[in-house]
Protein backbone atom coordinates (compact mmCIF):
# COMPACT_ATOMS: atom_id res chain seq x y z
CA MET A 1 96.47 95.34 138.01
CA LYS A 2 98.42 92.77 136.02
CA ARG A 3 97.16 92.04 132.51
CA ARG A 4 97.22 88.50 131.14
CA LYS A 5 99.60 89.58 128.39
CA ASP A 6 102.16 90.48 131.08
CA GLU A 7 102.10 87.00 132.63
CA GLY A 8 104.61 84.23 131.94
CA SER A 9 108.17 83.99 130.72
CA PHE A 10 109.64 86.01 127.89
CA PHE A 11 109.01 83.17 125.46
CA THR A 12 105.43 82.66 126.65
CA LYS A 13 104.70 86.37 126.18
CA TYR A 14 106.41 86.41 122.79
CA PHE A 15 104.56 83.30 121.59
CA ARG A 16 101.22 84.70 122.80
CA SER A 17 101.89 87.96 120.98
CA PHE A 18 102.92 86.11 117.81
CA LYS A 19 99.76 83.97 118.01
CA HIS A 20 97.58 87.10 118.25
CA GLY A 21 99.22 88.42 115.09
CA VAL A 22 98.56 85.16 113.27
CA ASP A 23 94.96 85.21 114.53
CA GLY A 24 94.57 88.71 113.06
CA ILE A 25 95.86 87.58 109.67
CA VAL A 26 93.61 84.50 109.70
CA TYR A 27 90.59 86.62 110.64
CA SER A 28 91.30 89.14 107.90
CA ILE A 29 91.70 86.41 105.28
CA GLU A 30 88.38 84.87 106.34
CA LYS A 31 86.40 88.13 106.63
CA GLU A 32 88.09 90.90 104.63
CA ILE A 33 88.10 90.61 100.83
CA ASN A 34 90.61 93.47 100.48
CA ILE A 35 93.33 91.47 102.26
CA ILE A 36 92.87 88.60 99.83
CA VAL A 37 93.11 91.02 96.89
CA ILE A 38 96.26 92.59 98.36
CA MET A 39 97.81 89.16 98.96
CA LEU A 40 97.08 88.11 95.37
CA LEU A 41 98.53 91.37 94.05
CA THR A 42 101.60 90.83 96.23
CA ILE A 43 102.13 87.38 94.76
CA ILE A 44 101.70 88.75 91.24
CA ALA A 45 104.12 91.61 91.97
CA LEU A 46 106.72 89.18 93.31
CA VAL A 47 106.36 86.83 90.32
CA VAL A 48 106.67 89.77 87.92
CA SER A 49 109.68 91.00 89.90
CA PHE A 50 111.49 87.72 89.37
CA LEU A 51 110.42 87.42 85.72
CA LEU A 52 111.73 90.91 85.00
CA ASN A 53 114.92 90.21 86.97
CA ILE A 54 114.73 93.44 88.97
CA SER A 55 117.60 94.46 91.24
CA GLN A 56 117.77 93.63 94.94
CA THR A 57 117.07 97.25 95.80
CA GLU A 58 114.02 97.31 93.55
CA LEU A 59 112.83 94.02 95.05
CA CYS A 60 113.17 95.50 98.53
CA LEU A 61 111.04 98.46 97.45
CA VAL A 62 108.38 96.10 96.05
CA VAL A 63 108.31 94.03 99.26
CA ILE A 64 108.24 97.11 101.52
CA SER A 65 105.50 98.82 99.53
CA MET A 66 103.32 95.71 99.33
CA GLY A 67 103.89 94.97 103.03
CA ALA A 68 103.00 98.54 103.97
CA MET A 69 99.79 98.31 101.97
CA MET A 70 98.86 95.04 103.68
CA ALA A 71 99.68 96.48 107.12
CA ALA A 72 97.55 99.55 106.39
CA GLU A 73 94.62 97.34 105.43
CA LEU A 74 94.99 95.37 108.67
CA ILE A 75 95.04 98.62 110.66
CA ASN A 76 91.96 99.73 108.72
CA CYS A 77 90.26 96.46 109.65
CA ALA A 78 91.20 96.95 113.32
CA ILE A 79 89.85 100.50 113.37
CA GLU A 80 86.58 99.38 111.78
CA ALA A 81 86.20 96.59 114.36
CA ALA A 82 86.97 98.95 117.25
CA VAL A 83 84.44 101.50 115.99
CA ASP A 84 81.82 98.76 115.56
CA LEU A 85 82.54 97.65 119.13
CA VAL A 86 81.55 101.11 120.34
CA THR A 87 78.52 101.58 118.08
CA LEU A 88 76.82 99.94 115.12
CA GLU A 89 74.48 102.90 114.75
CA THR A 90 75.00 105.57 112.11
CA ASN A 91 77.34 108.11 113.69
CA GLU A 92 79.25 110.89 111.98
CA LEU A 93 82.40 110.40 114.07
CA ALA A 94 82.35 106.63 113.43
CA LYS A 95 82.03 107.35 109.70
CA ILE A 96 84.94 109.78 109.79
CA SER A 97 87.11 107.25 111.65
CA LYS A 98 86.34 104.46 109.18
CA ASP A 99 86.65 106.72 106.13
CA CYS A 100 90.03 108.10 107.24
CA ALA A 101 91.36 104.60 107.90
CA GLY A 102 90.18 103.54 104.45
CA ALA A 103 91.73 106.65 102.92
CA ALA A 104 95.11 105.76 104.46
CA THR A 105 94.98 102.39 102.73
CA MET A 106 93.88 104.03 99.48
CA ILE A 107 96.82 106.45 99.59
CA LEU A 108 99.22 103.51 100.01
CA VAL A 109 97.57 101.79 97.04
CA PHE A 110 98.35 104.85 94.87
CA VAL A 111 101.90 105.10 96.24
CA ASN A 112 102.35 101.39 95.57
CA MET A 113 101.09 101.75 91.99
CA PHE A 114 103.58 104.59 91.48
CA ILE A 115 106.50 102.55 92.87
CA LEU A 116 105.60 99.45 90.85
CA GLY A 117 105.15 101.58 87.75
CA ILE A 118 108.59 103.15 88.13
CA ILE A 119 110.17 99.73 88.57
CA PHE A 120 108.20 97.58 86.12
CA VAL A 121 107.34 99.87 83.17
CA PRO A 122 110.95 100.50 82.03
CA LYS A 123 111.73 96.77 82.33
CA ILE A 124 108.64 95.86 80.30
CA ILE A 125 109.50 98.49 77.65
CA GLU A 126 112.99 96.96 77.37
CA LEU A 127 111.38 93.65 76.38
CA PHE A 128 109.95 95.20 73.20
């Protein structure tokens, strides 16, 4: 059985795949408050990065860590939607699935705070 995603030229398949990714970002911005918070924090982190004149390596770490956190939140959103597709009733396994996905995002938030702290705190201390 041929799936729709397998139909068309290379460029048609690539464009369709890209569009699905954009649709996911648009959905998450419209429905998930955490993505908006992460996007705002990413903008703030990037502005602070440029104001503090961090190195290219440090900037790469900031971008990677913020991107990873955003990706984890999108995966969390996808897992929650998939679980809700199966059942909206209270179910222990559904709760575990959603809680573990949320925990993955939370761990990346703490890792991100650690990375940003290592990069920004010494630069801020140098200002005083």
